Amino acid sequence: MTWWARARRRAGARRARRVGHAGPPPTGFALLPWLLMGLGSFSNLLQGKTESPWIGGLGLFTFNSLYIYVTFRAFDRVKRESLSTRLALLTMGLLTTGLAVGYGGNWLLFFPLLGLATGATLRGRYLGRIGLLLAAYGAVLAGLREGWREAPNIGYATFLSCMVTAAILSLSEAVRELRAAREELARRAVEKERLRFSRDLHDLLGHTLSVIVVKSEAARRLAGRDLDAALAQIGDIESVGRQALTEIREAVTGYREGSLSTELTRARSALAAASVEPVVRQTGAPLAPQTEALLGWVVREAVTNVVRHSRATRCEITVESAEERVRLTVTDDGTGPAVAGTDGNGLTGLTERLATAGGSLTAGPAPQGGFTVTAELPVGPPDPCAEDAVPVALES
């Protein structure tokens, strides 16, 4: 592999990680630009329009420092609820009061900044009352210092900055928590399926290997005195081994009679566990066991990809059986890629298996958004055990 191919591969992996995750959580840097509201007071200091400029400069520096301290701690639940953060916020309130009463004018704009820091820190059931009290307090001080015409502007800006900041940050935090919970549910659904498969293999091989071991020991004991009996035991070992090999292939590739209905049931369970609404529709006549087995494996692979990669909220599985061909469609409304890989038992391997059986498999973005996997196969000869079966129409 050339260095260019390796670089492209690494870039693709980075893009996949960016698509699958929300990235790092927001920090206090998101609230730093609002400090520009204090440029008016800073300009007054530079132009000499502020009495006792050293006191004003010290107050401005202290307020900005406290603002940065509080807002950066506001993005950590433990830190924003700590006593030091609350004391820093209270100190901001006292300092804002002193600067507003002492200087007025542009210095009153520290109240909206105080409201912003309050909304970022005090998120809870009492925030509305605190925001109203803070807005009324700022409006009264503005009215007493600069006249009542300015009071509504300061009060409204303070209340708006407090409530909007709290709403946006709380919503962002809730979305990240829900996304983390969804990923955890998807991971657990996949782990549950792997555990089920490992149990199936254990149950499948445990008895068979025990029989092979017992018969091998019997053949070894009989080999010296009764060759015919030993050969009979060896013949039994061969039969059991062939049967075990067939069962293992069935377990790995999903070629089991009735596997389509089983996989549809498991798909509902896996999708529901991952908070994806399952919609399953099946119409047409009963299918041949080998056809059902292949379609069952397509359902398993497609649903696993939906659970693990698509970030979907709804997944539709449709099985339509006509006279000559049957079509299986798995469609999700996700925003991410629904294909985990293309090797081994992935979609590429399924495409090869379906092609061998005279079918086809296509996968790609759906016209309405999301991802669609479509498999088509010949209907094949009907199941002899289903001679009296009638066409079915199932929807859930």
Foldseek 3Di string as FASTA:
>chain_A
DDPVVVVVVVVVVVVQVVVLAVPDDDFLVVVVVVLVLCVVLVVCLVVVVAPPSVVSVVLSVLLSVLLSVLRRQLLPLVSLPDPVSVVSLVVNVVSLLVQCLRGNDSSLLVLLSSLLSQLSRDQDDCQLVVLQVSLQVSLVSNCVRPNNVCSVVSSVSSSCSNNVNNVVSVVSVVVNVVSVVLLVLLVVLVVVVVVVLVVVLCVLVVVLVVLLVVLVVVLVVCVVPPVVVSVVSVVVSVVSVVVSVVVVVCSVQQLDFPLQVVLLVSLCVSCVSSQAHEKEKEWWDAFASRVSRLVSLVSVQQSSLCSNWFQFNYWYWYWADDDWKIKIKIWTQGQTDSFDDQDDSGPVVSQVVQVVQVKGWDKDADPVHTIMIMIMHTRDDHDPVCPVPDIDIDID
